[in-house]
Protein backbone atom coordinates (compact mmCIF):
# COMPACT_ATOMS: atom_id res chain seq x y z
CA MET A 1 -0.14 -0.06 0.10
CA PRO A 2 1.29 3.46 -0.94
CA LEU A 3 2.31 5.63 2.15
CA LYS A 4 -0.65 8.03 3.06
CA LEU A 5 0.14 11.68 4.01
CA GLY A 6 -1.49 13.76 6.57
CA LEU A 7 -0.88 17.57 7.35
CA GLY A 8 -1.04 19.55 10.45
CA LEU A 9 -3.36 22.52 10.36
CA PRO A 10 -2.16 25.94 11.41
CA GLN A 11 -3.17 26.84 14.89
CA MET A 12 -0.48 29.27 16.10
CA ARG A 13 -0.69 32.89 16.74
CA GLU A 14 1.19 33.64 13.59
CA TYR A 15 -1.82 32.66 11.60
CA ASN A 16 -5.41 34.08 11.08
CA ILE A 17 -7.06 30.89 12.40
CA GLY A 18 -10.54 31.78 11.01
CA GLN A 19 -9.17 32.13 7.51
CA ASP A 20 -6.14 30.04 7.39
CA ILE A 21 -7.45 26.67 8.72
CA PRO A 22 -10.32 26.40 6.36
CA LEU A 23 -8.09 27.43 3.74
CA VAL A 24 -5.40 24.94 4.35
CA ALA A 25 -7.72 22.21 5.08
CA LYS A 26 -9.38 22.47 1.68
CA ALA A 27 -6.23 22.82 -0.10
CA ALA A 28 -4.95 19.60 1.61
CA GLU A 29 -8.09 17.77 0.49
CA ASP A 30 -7.53 19.18 -3.24
CA ILE A 31 -4.09 18.17 -3.42
CA GLY A 32 -4.81 14.63 -2.13
CA TYR A 33 -3.93 14.50 1.59
CA GLN A 34 -5.32 11.64 3.53
CA SER A 35 -6.01 13.65 6.63
CA VAL A 36 -5.73 17.03 8.48
CA TYR A 37 -4.82 17.24 12.09
CA VAL A 38 -4.85 19.44 14.97
CA TYR A 39 -2.88 19.26 18.54
CA GLU A 40 -3.53 20.53 21.89
CA ARG A 41 -1.49 23.13 23.94
CA THR A 42 -3.62 24.99 26.46
CA LEU A 43 -1.17 27.34 27.79
CA PHE A 44 2.32 28.71 27.90
CA PRO A 45 3.71 28.82 31.48
CA LEU A 46 6.03 31.91 32.29
CA ASP A 47 7.79 29.87 35.21
CA GLN A 48 9.40 26.79 33.16
CA SER A 49 11.67 25.89 36.25
CA GLY A 50 11.77 22.51 37.82
CA GLU A 51 8.80 20.42 36.95
CA HIS A 52 7.29 23.09 34.89
CA GLY A 53 9.86 22.55 32.00
CA LEU A 54 9.08 21.06 28.88
CA TYR A 55 8.21 17.31 29.16
CA ASN A 56 8.72 17.81 32.96
CA VAL A 57 12.47 18.20 32.24
CA PRO A 58 13.67 20.71 34.83
CA ASP A 59 14.21 23.96 33.38
CA LEU A 60 13.80 22.72 29.70
CA ALA A 61 12.23 25.58 27.70
CA TRP A 62 9.08 25.20 26.00
CA PRO A 63 9.38 26.05 22.14
CA ALA A 64 7.97 29.44 21.21
CA HIS A 65 5.17 27.83 18.86
CA TYR A 66 3.63 26.58 21.90
CA ARG A 67 2.23 30.10 22.68
CA ASP A 68 -1.19 30.85 21.82
CA VAL A 69 -2.40 27.58 20.17
CA ALA A 70 -5.98 27.66 19.10
CA GLU A 71 -8.34 25.25 20.76
CA PRO A 72 -8.30 21.97 18.74
CA ILE A 73 -11.97 20.86 18.61
CA VAL A 74 -12.92 24.47 17.23
CA SER A 75 -9.94 24.26 14.81
CA LEU A 76 -11.22 20.75 13.65
CA THR A 77 -14.66 21.89 13.30
CA LEU A 78 -13.41 25.02 10.94
CA ALA A 79 -11.69 22.36 8.94
CA ALA A 80 -14.82 20.16 8.75
CA ALA A 81 -16.99 22.91 7.46
CA ALA A 82 -14.66 23.70 4.64
CA THR A 83 -14.09 20.18 3.45
CA GLU A 84 -16.08 17.24 2.10
CA ARG A 85 -13.91 13.95 2.20
CA ILE A 86 -10.78 14.40 4.14
CA THR A 87 -10.01 12.64 7.56
CA LEU A 88 -10.17 15.12 10.64
CA GLY A 89 -7.70 14.11 13.15
CA THR A 90 -6.24 14.97 16.45
CA SER A 91 -2.64 14.51 17.12
CA VAL A 92 -2.74 14.57 19.88
CA LEU A 93 -5.60 15.58 22.25
CA VAL A 94 -5.28 14.92 26.23
CA SER A 95 -8.64 13.62 27.35
CA GLY A 96 -7.65 14.35 30.83
CA TYR A 97 -8.00 17.92 30.24
CA HIS A 98 -11.75 17.57 29.57
CA ALA A 99 -14.90 16.26 31.14
CA PRO A 100 -15.26 12.91 29.54
CA PHE A 101 -19.13 12.97 28.83
CA GLU A 102 -18.80 16.34 27.27
CA LEU A 103 -15.95 15.53 25.17
CA SER A 104 -17.67 12.30 23.78
CA ARG A 105 -20.61 14.31 22.90
CA VAL A 106 -18.63 16.83 21.00
CA PHE A 107 -16.85 14.19 18.90
CA ALA A 108 -19.83 12.28 18.30
CA THR A 109 -21.64 15.50 16.90
CA LEU A 110 -18.56 16.27 14.87
CA ASP A 111 -18.37 12.82 13.53
CA ASN A 112 -22.29 12.95 12.76
CA ALA A 113 -21.93 16.30 11.09
CA SER A 114 -18.87 15.37 8.83
CA GLY A 115 -20.18 12.22 7.63
CA GLY A 116 -17.86 9.89 9.64
CA ARG A 117 -14.62 11.64 9.16
CA VAL A 118 -13.24 12.13 12.84
CA LEU A 119 -10.19 10.24 13.85
CA LEU A 120 -8.98 10.57 17.53
CA GLY A 121 -5.33 10.65 18.47
CA LEU A 122 -5.08 10.80 22.26
CA GLY A 123 -2.37 11.05 24.66
CA THR A 124 -2.20 11.03 28.72
CA GLY A 125 -0.55 14.40 28.68
CA TRP A 126 2.70 15.50 30.74
CA SER A 127 2.32 19.12 31.82
CA GLN A 128 1.36 19.67 35.61
CA ASP A 129 0.46 23.24 34.58
CA GLU A 130 -2.05 22.17 32.05
CA PHE A 131 -3.66 19.51 34.37
CA GLU A 132 -3.97 22.37 37.05
CA ALA A 133 -5.45 24.74 34.71
CA ALA A 134 -8.05 22.35 33.14
CA GLY A 135 -9.13 21.27 36.68
CA SER A 136 -10.89 17.98 35.36
CA HIS A 137 -8.22 15.53 36.64
CA GLN A 138 -5.05 15.48 38.52
CA LYS A 139 -1.89 14.54 36.60
CA SER A 140 -1.68 11.27 38.87
CA GLU A 141 -4.89 10.30 37.60
CA ARG A 142 -4.08 10.81 33.81
CA GLY A 143 -3.98 6.94 32.88
CA ALA A 144 -7.43 6.34 34.69
CA ALA A 145 -8.75 9.64 33.05
CA LEU A 146 -8.00 8.18 29.42
CA ASP A 147 -9.56 4.90 30.34
CA GLU A 148 -12.82 6.67 31.64
CA PHE A 149 -13.07 8.75 28.34
CA LEU A 150 -12.76 5.50 26.19
CA ASP A 151 -15.43 4.04 28.46
CA VAL A 152 -17.88 6.92 27.91
CA LEU A 153 -17.16 7.40 24.08
CA HIS A 154 -17.76 3.50 23.58
CA ALA A 155 -21.20 3.98 25.69
CA ILE A 156 -22.19 6.88 23.58
CA GLU A 157 -21.26 5.43 20.41
CA GLY A 158 -23.61 2.52 21.23
CA PRO A 159 -27.29 2.21 21.08
CA ASN A 160 -29.68 4.22 23.37
CA PRO A 161 -30.39 4.08 26.20
CA VAL A 162 -26.83 4.91 27.34
CA SER A 163 -25.77 4.17 30.80
CA TYR A 164 -22.52 4.30 32.63
CA GLN A 165 -21.25 4.23 36.29
CA GLY A 166 -17.59 5.22 37.14
CA ASN A 167 -15.90 6.56 40.11
CA LYS A 168 -17.07 10.07 39.82
CA LEU A 169 -19.33 10.07 36.57
CA LYS A 170 -22.76 8.56 36.33
CA ILE A 171 -25.00 8.47 33.25
CA SER A 172 -28.54 7.20 34.27
CA ALA A 173 -30.08 5.20 31.49
CA SER A 174 -30.84 8.04 28.96
CA GLU A 175 -31.21 8.94 25.16
CA VAL A 176 -27.88 10.50 24.11
CA GLY A 177 -27.46 11.97 20.47
CA PRO A 178 -26.69 12.72 17.91
CA LYS A 179 -24.84 9.52 17.45
CA PRO A 180 -21.37 9.39 15.49
CA ALA A 181 -21.90 8.12 11.81
CA GLY A 182 -20.02 5.08 12.85
CA HIS A 183 -17.13 3.84 15.08
CA ILE A 184 -14.59 6.67 15.82
CA PRO A 185 -11.21 5.39 15.25
CA VAL A 186 -9.04 5.83 18.36
CA PHE A 187 -5.04 6.07 18.08
CA LEU A 188 -2.89 6.04 21.05
CA ALA A 189 0.36 8.11 21.36
CA ALA A 190 1.81 5.18 23.55
CA THR A 191 5.51 5.32 24.55
CA ASN A 192 5.62 2.32 27.32
CA ARG A 193 4.55 -1.07 28.14
CA VAL A 194 1.56 0.21 30.11
CA ALA A 195 0.35 2.46 27.40
CA TRP A 196 0.97 -0.41 24.64
CA SER A 197 -1.08 -2.66 26.50
CA ARG A 198 -3.94 -0.11 26.92
CA LEU A 199 -3.67 0.47 23.11
CA VAL A 200 -3.84 -3.43 22.33
CA LYS A 201 -7.01 -3.95 24.54
CA ARG A 202 -8.89 -0.50 23.95
CA ALA A 203 -7.53 1.22 20.80
CA ASP A 204 -7.50 0.84 17.04
CA GLY A 205 -4.03 2.08 16.36
CA TRP A 206 -0.81 3.72 17.26
CA MET A 207 0.42 7.33 16.72
CA PRO A 208 4.00 7.54 17.85
CA VAL A 209 6.44 10.50 17.05
CA ALA A 210 8.78 9.96 14.16
CA GLY A 211 12.07 8.14 15.18
CA LEU A 212 13.33 5.02 13.27
CA GLN A 213 15.10 2.93 16.02
CA GLU A 214 12.52 4.08 18.68
CA MET A 215 9.59 3.13 16.45
CA ALA A 216 11.00 -0.20 15.21
CA SER A 217 11.79 -1.26 18.90
CA GLY A 218 8.32 -0.06 20.02
CA TRP A 219 6.69 -2.06 17.20
CA GLN A 220 8.24 -5.26 18.08
CA THR A 221 7.25 -4.68 21.77
CA LEU A 222 3.56 -3.90 20.81
CA GLN A 223 3.40 -7.16 18.62
CA GLU A 224 4.81 -9.21 21.51
CA ILE A 225 1.86 -7.42 23.78
CA ALA A 226 -0.71 -8.20 21.10
CA ALA A 227 0.17 -11.86 21.06
CA GLU A 228 0.07 -12.10 24.69
CA HIS A 229 -3.47 -10.66 24.78
CA GLY A 230 -4.57 -12.58 21.64
CA ARG A 231 -5.36 -9.52 19.49
CA LYS A 232 -5.71 -10.73 15.87
CA GLN A 233 -6.79 -7.28 14.55
CA ALA A 234 -4.24 -5.43 12.80
CA ILE A 235 -2.80 -2.34 14.47
CA PRO A 236 -2.49 0.60 12.04
CA VAL A 237 0.29 3.22 12.62
CA ILE A 238 0.08 6.89 11.99
CA VAL A 239 3.48 8.71 12.63
CA ARG A 240 3.62 12.28 13.65
CA ALA A 241 6.59 14.20 11.97
CA ASN A 242 7.49 17.63 13.50
CA CYS A 243 9.08 19.10 10.47
CA ILE A 244 11.68 21.65 10.53
CA TYR A 245 11.47 22.96 7.05
CA SER A 246 14.07 25.04 5.16
CA ALA A 247 14.06 26.11 1.59
CA LYS A 248 17.68 25.22 1.47
CA HIS A 249 19.23 21.79 1.77
CA PHE A 250 20.47 21.30 5.61
CA GLU A 251 24.28 20.75 5.63
CA GLY A 252 26.08 18.95 8.50
CA ASP A 253 26.04 15.70 10.39
CA ASP A 254 23.64 16.84 13.14
CA ARG A 255 20.47 17.00 10.83
CA GLN A 256 17.37 15.76 12.61
CA LEU A 257 14.87 13.68 11.24
CA PHE A 258 12.49 15.80 8.93
CA GLN A 259 14.68 18.79 9.14
CA GLY A 260 15.80 20.48 6.00
CA SER A 261 14.49 20.87 2.42
CA VAL A 262 11.73 19.05 0.79
CA ALA A 263 14.09 16.55 -0.80
CA GLN A 264 15.43 15.84 2.83
CA ILE A 265 12.02 15.46 4.02
CA ILE A 266 11.28 13.09 1.25
CA GLU A 267 14.28 11.18 2.23
CA ASP A 268 13.10 10.64 5.87
CA LEU A 269 9.61 9.73 4.61
CA GLU A 270 10.86 6.84 2.62
CA LYS A 271 13.06 5.58 5.38
CA HIS A 272 9.76 5.26 7.51
CA ALA A 273 7.92 3.59 4.72
CA THR A 274 10.58 1.06 4.37
CA LEU A 275 10.05 0.18 7.92
CA GLY A 276 7.29 -1.95 6.57
CA PHE A 277 4.45 -1.19 9.37
CA VAL A 278 3.77 2.55 8.96
CA ASP A 279 0.50 3.46 7.12
CA GLU A 280 0.47 7.20 7.25
CA VAL A 281 2.83 10.18 8.13
CA LEU A 282 1.32 13.31 9.51
CA LEU A 283 3.68 16.30 8.65
CA ASP A 284 3.47 19.26 10.91
CA LEU A 285 5.09 21.99 8.87
CA THR A 286 3.32 24.82 10.74
CA SER A 287 6.08 26.26 13.03
CA THR A 288 8.74 26.74 10.34
CA VAL A 289 6.84 28.30 7.22
CA TRP A 290 6.21 31.97 6.74
CA ASP A 291 2.31 31.77 6.10
CA ALA A 292 -0.56 29.53 5.30
CA ARG A 293 0.36 30.12 1.55
CA GLN A 294 3.80 28.75 1.97
CA LEU A 295 2.28 25.88 3.98
CA VAL A 296 0.20 24.87 1.15
CA ASP A 297 2.74 25.39 -1.43
CA VAL A 298 5.40 23.17 0.48
CA ALA A 299 2.67 20.61 1.34
CA ALA A 300 1.97 20.42 -2.36
CA GLU A 301 5.56 19.95 -3.48
CA ILE A 302 5.89 17.32 -0.82
CA PHE A 303 2.68 15.24 -2.10
CA THR A 304 3.84 15.47 -5.64
CA ALA A 305 7.45 14.33 -4.80
CA VAL A 306 6.05 11.36 -2.87
CA GLN A 307 3.67 10.40 -5.69
CA SER A 308 6.77 10.57 -8.01
CA ALA A 309 8.85 8.35 -5.84
CA GLY A 310 6.07 5.67 -5.71
CA PHE A 311 6.51 4.73 -2.01
């Protein structure tokens, strides 16, 4: 199967979100991309010392493009209204920042309205500041919060009457609608054995960040866990590639994956395709292009090059 491509939508403050998100989503559909994606960053802490550092690494600075990131569900709704066929994905959304019943209803409604185009990439989250600001769950509860959201989403996807009893949340037998157009695929950004076990038992696919050795090792472990639990269903893989685009070829031995020119991005796409288990790569170019027009132009150039390369 040819490698599918997804495209990250422009959510940062450098963009006019009301204009640029629909523009890029429609352009991606017209070019031939499989999907468009949004991500979630709710705030940018001014104190980034100690546990407030990026990924909880003490004093590691948050990147500037994490400032003023537009809310992901609103952003995805803008994309849905401007398109007809393209998949509408999250990569990733942290369910623990949200009330599970409300979040399930939002995505059920969006899936219904878009004709069954929603795909949920979910993570457990890492930012203490974001958990505290959301106020829905404690960071220590993040695994349980994801499990409860998956329980509630499954209940709401199912037939009426809907009922659910959790530790904090109760849905008495009720009619809940609108229903999604069908099952909403769930992909997890799993990075350890506990998360991979959850994926095997509860999710449709895996959504790792690009990295050849890390992904190959993770895939092997994931297959072992799937065999242990008797999972026969295939596990599709959507890779998130945080691109550092440059109009010029990157020179030097310290080039990161998906850093450099279009030709270098194509090289890295091919490397991931040859792993043999990657179905789709999400290219997020939004932090290193000038504007939405350049984003569309670079995305089109990459898509054409992949089609010509035939992988």
